[in-house]
């Protein structure tokens, strides 16, 4: 099956991973140091992962904890390099053309410690805009736009430490949009939010993809995110690609494989996938 369903709303391929493999060294135990045994073992984090994302698409990377989702995003955002394989953003190799890649992307992490808690929301955005080398006049204009878009105008002069979880998440996404990037990577954008706040945030994410033609790649484990945001998903488990495609394609494949008739809830589909060793190679859906 083709890697993409027919969809006139999305364009050319702009993000591509080819056979990405990543090992991390395992920390040496203290007793090994005393015995002068300095050979480190390596832990496999990603095993031959490949996928493509088109312009204007919202693409989801899902899987249980430890599946390799965040590591995949870090490779695409130039924060770590693959042990093997290659990844590209707009044709730029993420390992060899880091500066060119960084001009195209924004990275949203939901780690609150990455902000300055004693600064106001506006001061935080000004600081990060300066780091991203956004010209002052453009930065001022962009910050005002984002504060209005995320309904943070009335709170912009309050200290970040007084923000609610939802406001902090909005700030994280606003920061990733400061330089007006063409591709946005989001690591669990609705994590820790109540249903109402998560709904509003999903609406904002969809509006950026549709109205500004942003390409968005998210990691998530929330079924509501997967159903309401993602046009296609890649399922990872223990560093391996289990399957990729639209929800309809994946559900149809699993039902056919398991001989299930009728509707199959996505939660059950996901559980079956993690126990299924027969669905394609490197995530490709079998016909």
Protein backbone atom coordinates (compact mmCIF):
# COMPACT_ATOMS: atom_id res chain seq x y z
CA UNK A 1 0.00 0.00 0.00
CA UNK A 2 1.14 3.54 -0.78
CA UNK A 3 2.59 5.56 2.10
CA UNK A 4 -0.08 8.20 1.53
CA UNK A 5 -3.80 8.16 0.97
CA UNK A 6 -5.18 10.40 -1.77
CA UNK A 7 -5.67 13.80 -0.18
CA UNK A 8 -5.71 16.99 -2.21
CA UNK A 9 -5.19 19.11 0.91
CA UNK A 10 -1.63 17.94 1.49
CA UNK A 11 1.33 18.53 -0.79
CA UNK A 12 4.81 17.29 -1.50
CA UNK A 13 6.93 15.22 0.88
CA UNK A 14 8.99 17.55 3.08
CA UNK A 15 9.99 15.33 6.03
CA UNK A 16 11.57 11.94 5.45
CA UNK A 17 13.24 9.31 7.62
CA UNK A 18 15.19 6.50 5.97
CA UNK A 19 16.14 3.39 7.96
CA UNK A 20 16.82 5.31 11.18
CA UNK A 21 18.58 3.26 13.85
CA UNK A 22 19.68 4.67 17.20
CA UNK A 23 21.75 3.12 19.99
CA UNK A 24 22.45 4.75 23.34
CA UNK A 25 25.34 3.61 25.57
CA UNK A 26 24.30 1.95 28.82
CA UNK A 27 25.86 3.64 31.93
CA UNK A 28 28.72 1.65 33.40
CA UNK A 29 28.08 0.09 36.82
CA UNK A 30 30.45 1.23 39.57
CA UNK A 31 31.94 -2.23 39.98
CA UNK A 32 33.06 -2.23 36.32
CA UNK A 33 35.08 0.94 36.91
CA UNK A 34 36.89 -0.59 39.87
CA UNK A 35 37.68 -3.64 37.73
CA UNK A 36 38.91 -1.37 34.87
CA UNK A 37 36.21 -2.74 32.57
CA UNK A 38 35.35 0.22 30.38
CA UNK A 39 33.53 -1.43 27.47
CA UNK A 40 30.01 -0.03 27.40
CA UNK A 41 26.98 -1.98 26.28
CA UNK A 42 24.61 -0.31 23.86
CA UNK A 43 20.82 -0.18 24.08
CA UNK A 44 18.78 -0.23 20.87
CA UNK A 45 16.29 2.65 20.92
CA UNK A 46 15.17 2.79 17.28
CA UNK A 47 15.44 -0.05 14.79
CA UNK A 48 15.30 0.76 11.07
CA UNK A 49 12.49 3.35 11.22
CA UNK A 50 11.23 4.94 8.02
CA UNK A 51 8.36 7.33 7.22
CA UNK A 52 7.46 10.39 5.17
CA UNK A 53 5.30 13.41 5.90
CA UNK A 54 3.71 15.74 3.38
CA UNK A 55 3.33 19.51 3.49
CA UNK A 56 0.27 20.58 5.48
CA UNK A 57 -0.20 17.18 7.13
CA UNK A 58 -0.67 16.42 10.84
CA UNK A 59 1.24 13.19 11.41
CA UNK A 60 1.17 11.25 14.68
CA UNK A 61 3.86 9.02 16.19
CA UNK A 62 2.28 6.85 18.87
CA UNK A 63 3.30 3.96 21.08
CA UNK A 64 3.77 2.92 24.72
CA UNK A 65 6.34 4.57 26.98
CA UNK A 66 9.86 3.69 25.86
CA UNK A 67 8.79 3.01 22.27
CA UNK A 68 11.21 5.61 20.83
CA UNK A 69 8.78 8.43 20.06
CA UNK A 70 10.71 11.29 21.67
CA UNK A 71 14.04 10.01 20.30
CA UNK A 72 12.56 10.10 16.79
CA UNK A 73 11.56 13.74 17.28
CA UNK A 74 14.96 14.64 18.72
CA UNK A 75 16.68 13.21 15.65
CA UNK A 76 14.41 15.20 13.33
CA UNK A 77 15.08 18.36 15.38
CA UNK A 78 18.89 17.88 15.25
CA UNK A 79 19.11 17.35 19.04
CA UNK A 80 20.72 13.94 18.55
CA UNK A 81 22.12 12.07 15.57
CA UNK A 82 21.09 8.65 14.28
CA UNK A 83 23.55 5.78 14.63
CA UNK A 84 22.53 4.62 11.16
CA UNK A 85 20.18 5.91 8.50
CA UNK A 86 19.30 9.42 7.38
CA UNK A 87 16.60 11.99 8.02
CA UNK A 88 15.71 15.02 5.93
CA UNK A 89 13.63 18.19 6.30
CA UNK A 90 13.01 20.00 3.03
CA UNK A 91 15.86 17.98 1.54
CA UNK A 92 18.35 19.03 4.23
CA UNK A 93 20.16 16.24 6.08
CA UNK A 94 19.43 16.73 9.81
CA UNK A 95 22.89 15.45 10.77
CA UNK A 96 24.96 17.35 8.20
CA UNK A 97 22.92 20.52 7.52
CA UNK A 98 21.75 21.42 11.00
CA UNK A 99 21.55 25.18 10.49
CA UNK A 100 19.44 24.80 7.35
CA UNK A 101 17.08 22.43 9.15
CA UNK A 102 16.72 24.73 12.17
CA UNK A 103 15.55 27.54 9.89
CA UNK A 104 12.59 25.39 8.85
CA UNK A 105 11.43 23.88 12.14
CA UNK A 106 9.96 24.64 15.53
CA UNK A 107 10.14 22.21 18.44
CA UNK A 108 7.49 22.19 21.16
CA UNK A 109 8.24 20.29 24.35
CA UNK A 110 5.89 20.25 27.33
CA UNK A 111 8.77 20.58 29.78
CA UNK A 112 7.92 23.54 32.00
CA UNK A 113 11.49 23.85 33.32
CA UNK A 114 12.58 25.07 29.90
CA UNK A 115 10.92 28.43 30.69
CA UNK A 116 12.05 31.12 33.10
CA UNK A 117 9.47 30.95 35.86
CA UNK A 118 10.14 34.38 37.36
CA UNK A 119 9.79 36.13 34.01
CA UNK A 120 6.41 37.06 32.57
CA UNK A 121 4.95 35.25 29.59
CA UNK A 122 5.82 38.14 27.28
CA UNK A 123 9.37 38.39 28.66
CA UNK A 124 9.86 34.67 28.05
CA UNK A 125 8.71 34.96 24.44
CA UNK A 126 10.93 38.02 23.89
CA UNK A 127 13.94 36.14 25.25
CA UNK A 128 13.38 33.10 23.02
CA UNK A 129 12.67 35.26 19.97
CA UNK A 130 16.05 36.91 20.54
CA UNK A 131 17.71 33.48 20.78
CA UNK A 132 16.07 32.52 17.48
CA UNK A 133 17.42 35.74 15.93
CA UNK A 134 13.97 37.03 15.02
CA UNK A 135 14.32 40.75 14.12
CA UNK A 136 12.96 42.95 16.97
CA UNK A 137 10.05 44.51 15.03
CA UNK A 138 9.02 41.16 13.58
CA UNK A 139 9.34 39.55 17.02
CA UNK A 140 7.11 42.18 18.63
CA UNK A 141 4.47 41.72 15.94
CA UNK A 142 4.66 37.92 16.08
CA UNK A 143 4.47 37.80 19.90
CA UNK A 144 1.36 40.00 19.89
CA UNK A 145 -0.22 37.76 17.24
CA UNK A 146 0.52 34.59 19.19
CA UNK A 147 -0.66 36.00 22.53
CA UNK A 148 -3.94 36.98 20.89
CA UNK A 149 -4.28 33.65 19.05
CA UNK A 150 -3.69 31.65 22.23
CA UNK A 151 -5.88 33.93 24.39
CA UNK A 152 -2.94 34.88 26.60
CA UNK A 153 -3.08 38.66 26.19
CA UNK A 154 -4.58 39.33 29.62
CA UNK A 155 -1.98 37.08 31.28
CA UNK A 156 1.05 38.15 29.25
CA UNK A 157 2.46 40.34 32.03
CA UNK A 158 1.99 37.74 34.76
CA UNK A 159 4.90 35.59 35.87
CA UNK A 160 5.12 32.21 34.19
CA UNK A 161 5.07 30.47 37.59
CA UNK A 162 1.48 31.65 38.07
CA UNK A 163 0.25 30.12 34.80
CA UNK A 164 -2.07 27.12 34.75
CA UNK A 165 -1.05 23.87 33.01
CA UNK A 166 -3.11 24.81 29.96
CA UNK A 167 -1.51 28.24 29.74
CA UNK A 168 1.97 26.72 30.03
CA UNK A 169 1.19 24.34 27.18
CA UNK A 170 -0.04 27.22 25.05
CA UNK A 171 3.18 29.09 25.83
CA UNK A 172 5.24 26.09 24.75
CA UNK A 173 3.46 25.96 21.39
CA UNK A 174 3.65 29.75 20.99
CA UNK A 175 7.42 29.60 21.58
CA UNK A 176 7.80 26.96 18.84
CA UNK A 177 5.99 29.30 16.42
CA UNK A 178 8.01 32.47 17.11
CA UNK A 179 10.18 32.22 14.01
CA UNK A 180 7.16 31.23 11.89
CA UNK A 181 8.57 27.76 11.06
CA UNK A 182 7.19 25.62 8.26
CA UNK A 183 7.40 22.35 10.22
CA UNK A 184 6.45 21.99 13.90
CA UNK A 185 7.38 19.02 16.08
CA UNK A 186 5.29 18.58 19.23
CA UNK A 187 6.09 16.11 21.99
CA UNK A 188 2.80 15.14 23.69
CA UNK A 189 1.20 18.61 23.36
CA UNK A 190 -1.91 17.80 25.44
CA UNK A 191 -0.19 15.86 28.21
CA UNK A 192 -1.54 16.70 31.66
CA UNK A 193 -4.40 18.85 30.39
CA UNK A 194 -8.05 18.49 31.37
CA UNK A 195 -10.46 17.53 28.54
CA UNK A 196 -11.64 21.11 27.97
CA UNK A 197 -8.13 22.58 27.73
CA UNK A 198 -7.00 19.69 25.52
CA UNK A 199 -9.96 20.29 23.17
CA UNK A 200 -9.09 23.99 22.80
CA UNK A 201 -5.43 23.19 22.19
CA UNK A 202 -6.27 20.62 19.51
CA UNK A 203 -8.45 23.24 17.80
CA UNK A 204 -5.51 25.66 17.78
CA UNK A 205 -3.15 23.03 16.36
CA UNK A 206 -5.62 22.20 13.58
CA UNK A 207 -6.08 25.88 12.76
CA UNK A 208 -2.33 26.38 12.31
CA UNK A 209 -2.14 23.38 9.99
CA UNK A 210 -5.14 24.45 7.93
CA UNK A 211 -4.91 28.26 7.91
CA UNK A 212 -1.11 28.65 7.80
CA UNK A 213 -0.32 25.39 5.99
CA UNK A 214 1.99 24.25 8.77
CA UNK A 215 3.24 20.67 8.73
CA UNK A 216 2.86 19.22 12.23
CA UNK A 217 4.36 16.03 13.66
CA UNK A 218 3.23 15.04 17.14
CA UNK A 219 3.90 12.26 19.59
CA UNK A 220 0.95 11.23 21.71
CA UNK A 221 -0.76 8.42 23.55
CA UNK A 222 -4.13 10.14 23.91
CA UNK A 223 -6.83 8.53 21.80
CA UNK A 224 -8.61 11.89 21.45
CA UNK A 225 -5.46 13.41 19.92
CA UNK A 226 -5.07 10.52 17.50
CA UNK A 227 -8.70 10.59 16.38
CA UNK A 228 -9.17 14.35 16.19
CA UNK A 229 -5.76 15.55 14.99
CA UNK A 230 -3.81 12.97 13.02
CA UNK A 231 -4.37 12.35 9.32
CA UNK A 232 -1.95 9.42 9.50
CA UNK A 233 -0.04 7.70 12.28
CA UNK A 234 3.06 5.61 12.80
CA UNK A 235 2.84 3.07 15.63
CA UNK A 236 6.12 2.29 17.40
CA UNK A 237 6.79 -0.47 19.91
CA UNK A 238 10.17 -1.21 21.48
CA UNK A 239 11.90 0.90 18.83
CA UNK A 240 10.29 -0.87 15.88
CA UNK A 241 7.67 0.35 13.42
CA UNK A 242 4.54 -1.76 13.90
CA UNK A 243 2.31 -0.16 11.27
CA UNK A 244 1.62 3.19 9.58
CA UNK A 245 -1.30 4.67 7.67
CA UNK A 246 -4.66 6.34 8.30
CA UNK A 247 -6.82 5.17 11.17
CA UNK A 248 -9.21 3.59 8.67
CA UNK A 249 -6.41 1.72 6.90
CA UNK A 250 -4.95 0.46 10.16
CA UNK A 251 -8.31 -0.58 11.60
CA UNK A 252 -9.20 -2.41 8.38
CA UNK A 253 -5.84 -4.20 8.34
CA UNK A 254 -6.10 -5.32 11.97
CA UNK A 255 -9.71 -6.50 11.57
CA UNK A 256 -8.76 -8.50 8.50
CA UNK A 257 -5.70 -9.97 10.23
CA UNK A 258 -7.64 -10.92 13.36
CA UNK A 259 -10.88 -11.91 11.66
CA UNK A 260 -12.89 -9.24 13.49
CA UNK A 261 -16.23 -8.15 12.06
CA UNK A 262 -18.03 -4.94 12.94
CA UNK A 263 -16.61 -1.82 14.56
CA UNK A 264 -13.29 -2.07 16.40
CA UNK A 265 -12.55 0.72 18.96
CA UNK A 266 -9.14 2.30 18.47
CA UNK A 267 -8.04 1.40 22.01
CA UNK A 268 -8.61 -2.27 21.18
CA UNK A 269 -6.97 -1.86 17.76
CA UNK A 270 -3.89 -0.40 19.46
CA UNK A 271 -3.68 -3.27 21.96
CA UNK A 272 -3.99 -5.83 19.17
CA UNK A 273 -1.23 -4.07 17.21
CA UNK A 274 1.24 -4.33 20.05
CA UNK A 275 0.62 -8.07 20.23
CA UNK A 276 0.58 -8.51 16.45
CA UNK A 277 3.78 -9.67 14.74
CA UNK A 278 2.29 -10.18 11.29
CA UNK A 279 1.32 -6.68 10.17
CA UNK A 280 3.80 -5.76 7.45
CA UNK A 281 7.51 -4.99 7.43
CA UNK A 282 8.80 -1.69 8.83
CA UNK A 283 5.23 -0.60 9.41
CA UNK A 284 3.92 -1.13 5.89
CA UNK A 285 0.33 -2.30 5.76
CA UNK A 286 -0.16 -5.69 4.17
CA UNK A 287 -2.74 -6.02 1.43
